[in-house]
Amino acid sequence: MTIQSPLTADDIRQIQDLQRRFARLNDAARWHEVMALFAEDASFTRPSDATHPISGRDAILQAFLARPPAKAARRHLVADPVVEILGADTARAHCVSILLIDLGEGRGTITVGRFLDELVKIEGKWRFRSRVGSTSIPPTPCEMPEWFFTPAGTE
């Protein structure tokens, strides 16, 4: 017996795009735009502070605004996204998050973690209802090529 999915291929693409958009906006410190990716009653748990979830979109924004400015270039990469169906307007997803930080002079760190997401479709757009991050591999020194943080089209 085949079960019909209430999620379409477009829904799955939108959810995966939401995960990637979170990474790009986070790297650019565009906190108001990050907040808009969350439902009003959302919760967020940072991978670096997994025991302290933040509840409510306004509180999530305040937590991001309180972060000190990044001292080094950083790039989050989203890998292995998987989306599963919960209902017509709800889904669960997870992805691997790879964080690269450029420390200069060809040095950097790589951190690997994951996000477990619960999503809700609000007015036709997918939003995070819950985003729980965790760290699998703590910051580890690595070589960092200069070109990695050069915006496309500027090399």
Foldseek 3Di string as FASTA:
>chain_A
DDDDALDDPVNVVQVVVLVVVLQVCLLVLVLVVNLVQADQFAWEADQVGQVDIFTGSVRSSVVSVPDDDDPWRKGKDWADKDWADDDNFKIKIKTKIWMWTDPDPQKIWIWIKMWIFIWGQDPNHIHTRYIGIHTDGGTDMDGDDPCPRPPPPPD
